[in-house]
Structure formats: C-alpha cells, structure tokens
C-alpha cells in the first residue's frame, strides 16, 4: 500500500521524467544552424556593442516597473467587474475610486514622460577649467 507521500513522490518523478524526455526529444529533433546573429547576446532590445559591463539606459527598468504596476492593478479589476452588482452602489463606488486613482497614476506617468520610449539626450554641462589661470574666488590660488 502506497502512502500519500509516496504518491506525491511518484508524481514528482513522473513530472521530472516527462520534462527530461521532452528536453532530450527537442534536442534531437531541432535543427542546428548556428549563425553569427544567433550566437550574439540579446539584451532588452539593444544591440550588443562594446563590453557587457557597460551601463544601459534606465528606461528599460522604469517601463518594466510601470508595466508590472498597471498590469497587476488591471488584473484586480476582473473580480470587481464580475461581482460589483452584487455589492450595489458601494461596490460600484469603490471600483470607481480605484479606477480614478489608477487613471491619475497613468496621467502622472504620462506627464512625467516615463511612457515615452525615445527621450531627447540630456545636455551634460562641460566645465572647461584652465589650470594655468588662478581662480579668483579661491583664496589659496593667490
């Protein structure tokens, strides 16, 4: 007689075996056509140029976070949309307040410019300090 833990163990072994067989079968069946483009690293839509330790634009992270935030909030709307009539006016008003806050957050992100994919490059100030001339404001330079 098999205990409940034995059944779970057999289920896990069958699952691991199924995954292993699927991976081995896919390895044997798939074509093996390696090209230069297939062997390059692909990261966040940017072409790999230079070292892999270079800094990349923070927009990718910001867009991903905004997507996750609004995606989770939209998922929370499905149960409300199905059952808001059962709660009457209270259920409708709570959902309306939630949607209003969601809309205000979306407007804020839009106004802030975080939804724009292409931003203009910032103008970085360049300080041309000539070391040969003494600084008038520095008392040590005199």
C-alpha atoms as a PDB file:
ATOM      1  CA  UNK A   1       0.000   0.000   0.000  1.00  0.00           C
ATOM      2  CA  UNK A   2       1.350   3.425  -1.010  1.00  0.00           C
ATOM      3  CA  UNK A   3       1.217   6.364   1.388  1.00  0.00           C
ATOM      4  CA  UNK A   4       0.228   9.893   0.344  1.00  0.00           C
ATOM      5  CA  UNK A   5       3.880  10.953   0.365  1.00  0.00           C
ATOM      6  CA  UNK A   6       4.709   8.011  -1.903  1.00  0.00           C
ATOM      7  CA  UNK A   7       2.051   9.134  -4.382  1.00  0.00           C
ATOM      8  CA  UNK A   8       3.467  12.654  -4.356  1.00  0.00           C
ATOM      9  CA  UNK A   9       6.983  11.283  -4.837  1.00  0.00           C
ATOM     10  CA  UNK A  10       5.885   9.189  -7.821  1.00  0.00           C
ATOM     11  CA  UNK A  11       4.051  12.211  -9.270  1.00  0.00           C
ATOM     12  CA  UNK A  12       7.216  14.346  -8.951  1.00  0.00           C
ATOM     13  CA  UNK A  13       9.358  11.600 -10.543  1.00  0.00           C
ATOM     14  CA  UNK A  14       6.930  11.256 -13.461  1.00  0.00           C
ATOM     15  CA  UNK A  15       6.934  15.055 -13.900  1.00  0.00           C
ATOM     16  CA  UNK A  16      10.744  15.224 -13.885  1.00  0.00           C
ATOM     17  CA  UNK A  17      10.900  12.300 -16.313  1.00  0.00           C
ATOM     18  CA  UNK A  18       8.370  13.934 -18.644  1.00  0.00           C
ATOM     19  CA  UNK A  19      10.349  17.195 -18.675  1.00  0.00           C
ATOM     20  CA  UNK A  20      13.625  15.328 -19.237  1.00  0.00           C
ATOM     21  CA  UNK A  21      12.186  13.305 -22.115  1.00  0.00           C
ATOM     22  CA  UNK A  22      10.738  16.477 -23.683  1.00  0.00           C
ATOM     23  CA  UNK A  23      14.084  18.279 -23.479  1.00  0.00           C
ATOM     24  CA  UNK A  24      16.043  15.353 -24.927  1.00  0.00           C
ATOM     25  CA  UNK A  25      13.490  14.900 -27.736  1.00  0.00           C
ATOM     26  CA  UNK A  26      13.605  18.605 -28.591  1.00  0.00           C
ATOM     27  CA  UNK A  27      17.424  18.479 -28.621  1.00  0.00           C
ATOM     28  CA  UNK A  28      17.409  15.521 -31.026  1.00  0.00           C
ATOM     29  CA  UNK A  29      14.711  16.881 -33.351  1.00  0.00           C
ATOM     30  CA  UNK A  30      15.650  20.566 -33.639  1.00  0.00           C
ATOM     31  CA  UNK A  31      17.854  21.823 -36.458  1.00  0.00           C
ATOM     32  CA  UNK A  32      21.330  23.005 -35.524  1.00  0.00           C
ATOM     33  CA  UNK A  33      22.037  26.053 -37.699  1.00  0.00           C
ATOM     34  CA  UNK A  34      24.293  28.405 -35.772  1.00  0.00           C
ATOM     35  CA  UNK A  35      24.755  31.861 -37.254  1.00  0.00           C
ATOM     36  CA  UNK A  36      26.596  34.925 -36.045  1.00  0.00           C
ATOM     37  CA  UNK A  37      23.345  36.643 -35.053  1.00  0.00           C
ATOM     38  CA  UNK A  38      22.075  33.634 -33.110  1.00  0.00           C
ATOM     39  CA  UNK A  39      25.269  33.448 -31.079  1.00  0.00           C
ATOM     40  CA  UNK A  40      25.245  37.119 -30.036  1.00  0.00           C
ATOM     41  CA  UNK A  41      23.803  38.256 -26.737  1.00  0.00           C
ATOM     42  CA  UNK A  42      20.404  39.931 -26.978  1.00  0.00           C
ATOM     43  CA  UNK A  43      19.502  42.160 -24.058  1.00  0.00           C
ATOM     44  CA  UNK A  44      16.436  44.412 -23.755  1.00  0.00           C
ATOM     45  CA  UNK A  45      16.219  45.355 -27.428  1.00  0.00           C
ATOM     46  CA  UNK A  46      19.644  46.992 -27.509  1.00  0.00           C
ATOM     47  CA  UNK A  47      22.249  45.794 -29.958  1.00  0.00           C
ATOM     48  CA  UNK A  48      25.256  44.372 -28.120  1.00  0.00           C
ATOM     49  CA  UNK A  49      28.018  46.912 -28.746  1.00  0.00           C
ATOM     50  CA  UNK A  50      31.122  47.027 -26.611  1.00  0.00           C
ATOM     51  CA  UNK A  51      31.623  45.450 -23.224  1.00  0.00           C
ATOM     52  CA  UNK A  52      28.843  43.624 -21.436  1.00  0.00           C
ATOM     53  CA  UNK A  53      29.614  45.692 -18.327  1.00  0.00           C
ATOM     54  CA  UNK A  54      28.530  48.965 -19.899  1.00  0.00           C
ATOM     55  CA  UNK A  55      25.659  50.919 -18.408  1.00  0.00           C
ATOM     56  CA  UNK A  56      22.354  50.818 -20.248  1.00  0.00           C
ATOM     57  CA  UNK A  57      19.509  53.241 -20.142  1.00  0.00           C
ATOM     58  CA  UNK A  58      17.305  53.076 -17.048  1.00  0.00           C
ATOM     59  CA  UNK A  59      14.174  53.391 -19.235  1.00  0.00           C
ATOM     60  CA  UNK A  60      14.009  49.616 -19.604  1.00  0.00           C
ATOM     61  CA  UNK A  61      13.722  49.179 -15.848  1.00  0.00           C
ATOM     62  CA  UNK A  62      11.229  52.037 -15.460  1.00  0.00           C
ATOM     63  CA  UNK A  63       8.995  50.790 -18.277  1.00  0.00           C
ATOM     64  CA  UNK A  64       9.058  47.253 -16.850  1.00  0.00           C
ATOM     65  CA  UNK A  65       8.068  48.508 -13.383  1.00  0.00           C
ATOM     66  CA  UNK A  66       5.269  50.667 -14.753  1.00  0.00           C
ATOM     67  CA  UNK A  67       4.000  47.722 -16.783  1.00  0.00           C
ATOM     68  CA  UNK A  68       4.005  45.446 -13.732  1.00  0.00           C
ATOM     69  CA  UNK A  69       2.247  48.002 -11.548  1.00  0.00           C
ATOM     70  CA  UNK A  70      -0.541  48.716 -14.006  1.00  0.00           C
ATOM     71  CA  UNK A  71      -0.790  45.079 -15.092  1.00  0.00           C
ATOM     72  CA  UNK A  72      -1.399  43.908 -11.516  1.00  0.00           C
ATOM     73  CA  UNK A  73      -3.942  46.674 -10.960  1.00  0.00           C
ATOM     74  CA  UNK A  74      -5.828  45.742 -14.127  1.00  0.00           C
ATOM     75  CA  UNK A  75      -5.869  42.094 -13.026  1.00  0.00           C
ATOM     76  CA  UNK A  76      -7.532  43.236  -9.797  1.00  0.00           C
ATOM     77  CA  UNK A  77     -10.337  44.761 -11.870  1.00  0.00           C
ATOM     78  CA  UNK A  78     -11.579  41.418 -13.220  1.00  0.00           C
ATOM     79  CA  UNK A  79     -13.145  40.131  -9.973  1.00  0.00           C
ATOM     80  CA  UNK A  80     -14.648  43.564  -9.337  1.00  0.00           C
ATOM     81  CA  UNK A  81     -16.122  43.715 -12.857  1.00  0.00           C
ATOM     82  CA  UNK A  82     -17.763  40.321 -12.393  1.00  0.00           C
ATOM     83  CA  UNK A  83     -19.217  40.956  -8.917  1.00  0.00           C
ATOM     84  CA  UNK A  84     -19.702  44.704  -8.494  1.00  0.00           C
ATOM     85  CA  UNK A  85     -23.505  44.467  -8.982  1.00  0.00           C
ATOM     86  CA  UNK A  86     -23.757  42.140  -6.012  1.00  0.00           C
ATOM     87  CA  UNK A  87     -22.362  44.893  -3.772  1.00  0.00           C
ATOM     88  CA  UNK A  88     -24.662  47.621  -5.119  1.00  0.00           C
ATOM     89  CA  UNK A  89     -23.676  51.249  -5.091  1.00  0.00           C
ATOM     90  CA  UNK A  90     -20.917  50.663  -2.533  1.00  0.00           C
ATOM     91  CA  UNK A  91     -19.175  48.145  -4.804  1.00  0.00           C
ATOM     92  CA  UNK A  92     -19.519  50.482  -7.758  1.00  0.00           C
ATOM     93  CA  UNK A  93     -18.131  53.474  -5.839  1.00  0.00           C
ATOM     94  CA  UNK A  94     -15.132  51.525  -4.509  1.00  0.00           C
ATOM     95  CA  UNK A  95     -14.321  50.397  -8.058  1.00  0.00           C
ATOM     96  CA  UNK A  96     -14.794  53.913  -9.394  1.00  0.00           C
ATOM     97  CA  UNK A  97     -12.395  55.290  -6.766  1.00  0.00           C
ATOM     98  CA  UNK A  98      -9.871  52.576  -7.652  1.00  0.00           C
ATOM     99  CA  UNK A  99     -10.176  53.377 -11.368  1.00  0.00           C
ATOM    100  CA  UNK A 100      -9.819  57.102 -10.658  1.00  0.00           C
ATOM    101  CA  UNK A 101      -6.607  56.544  -8.701  1.00  0.00           C
ATOM    102  CA  UNK A 102      -5.356  54.261 -11.489  1.00  0.00           C
ATOM    103  CA  UNK A 103      -6.186  56.903 -14.103  1.00  0.00           C
ATOM    104  CA  UNK A 104      -4.467  59.658 -12.098  1.00  0.00           C
ATOM    105  CA  UNK A 105      -1.367  57.452 -11.785  1.00  0.00           C
ATOM    106  CA  UNK A 106      -1.360  56.837 -15.528  1.00  0.00           C
ATOM    107  CA  UNK A 107      -1.704  60.566 -16.221  1.00  0.00           C
ATOM    108  CA  UNK A 108       1.153  61.256 -13.799  1.00  0.00           C
ATOM    109  CA  UNK A 109       3.440  58.772 -15.554  1.00  0.00           C
ATOM    110  CA  UNK A 110       2.443  60.151 -18.940  1.00  0.00           C
ATOM    111  CA  UNK A 111       3.037  63.763 -17.850  1.00  0.00           C
ATOM    112  CA  UNK A 112       6.357  62.828 -16.284  1.00  0.00           C
ATOM    113  CA  UNK A 113       7.440  61.343 -19.634  1.00  0.00           C
ATOM    114  CA  UNK A 114       8.094  57.819 -18.419  1.00  0.00           C
ATOM    115  CA  UNK A 115       5.865  56.326 -21.094  1.00  0.00           C
ATOM    116  CA  UNK A 116       7.918  57.869 -23.903  1.00  0.00           C
ATOM    117  CA  UNK A 117      10.359  55.395 -25.327  1.00  0.00           C
ATOM    118  CA  UNK A 118      12.621  57.859 -27.129  1.00  0.00           C
ATOM    119  CA  UNK A 119      13.728  60.715 -24.962  1.00  0.00           C
ATOM    120  CA  UNK A 120      15.971  63.514 -26.059  1.00  0.00           C
ATOM    121  CA  UNK A 121      19.514  63.137 -24.847  1.00  0.00           C
ATOM    122  CA  UNK A 122      20.302  65.274 -21.815  1.00  0.00           C
ATOM    123  CA  UNK A 123      22.667  68.180 -22.245  1.00  0.00           C
ATOM    124  CA  UNK A 124      25.610  67.450 -19.995  1.00  0.00           C
ATOM    125  CA  UNK A 125      27.384  70.606 -18.847  1.00  0.00           C
ATOM    126  CA  UNK A 126      31.032  70.774 -19.753  1.00  0.00           C
ATOM    127  CA  UNK A 127      33.337  72.566 -17.348  1.00  0.00           C
ATOM    128  CA  UNK A 128      36.400  73.836 -19.164  1.00  0.00           C
ATOM    129  CA  UNK A 129      38.689  74.673 -16.291  1.00  0.00           C
ATOM    130  CA  UNK A 130      42.023  76.075 -17.299  1.00  0.00           C
ATOM    131  CA  UNK A 131      44.527  75.042 -14.637  1.00  0.00           C
ATOM    132  CA  UNK A 132      47.115  77.608 -15.719  1.00  0.00           C
ATOM    133  CA  UNK A 133      44.912  80.554 -14.666  1.00  0.00           C
ATOM    134  CA  UNK A 134      44.291  81.046 -10.945  1.00  0.00           C
ATOM    135  CA  UNK A 135      40.698  81.024  -9.745  1.00  0.00           C
ATOM    136  CA  UNK A 136      39.697  84.477  -8.459  1.00  0.00           C
ATOM    137  CA  UNK A 137      37.301  83.034  -5.903  1.00  0.00           C
ATOM    138  CA  UNK A 138      39.851  80.648  -4.420  1.00  0.00           C
ATOM    139  CA  UNK A 139      41.960  82.386  -1.706  1.00  0.00           C
ATOM    140  CA  UNK A 140      44.641  79.681  -1.922  1.00  0.00           C
ATOM    141  CA  UNK A 141      45.285  80.492  -5.574  1.00  0.00           C
ATOM    142  CA  UNK A 142      46.719  83.962  -4.776  1.00  0.00           C
END
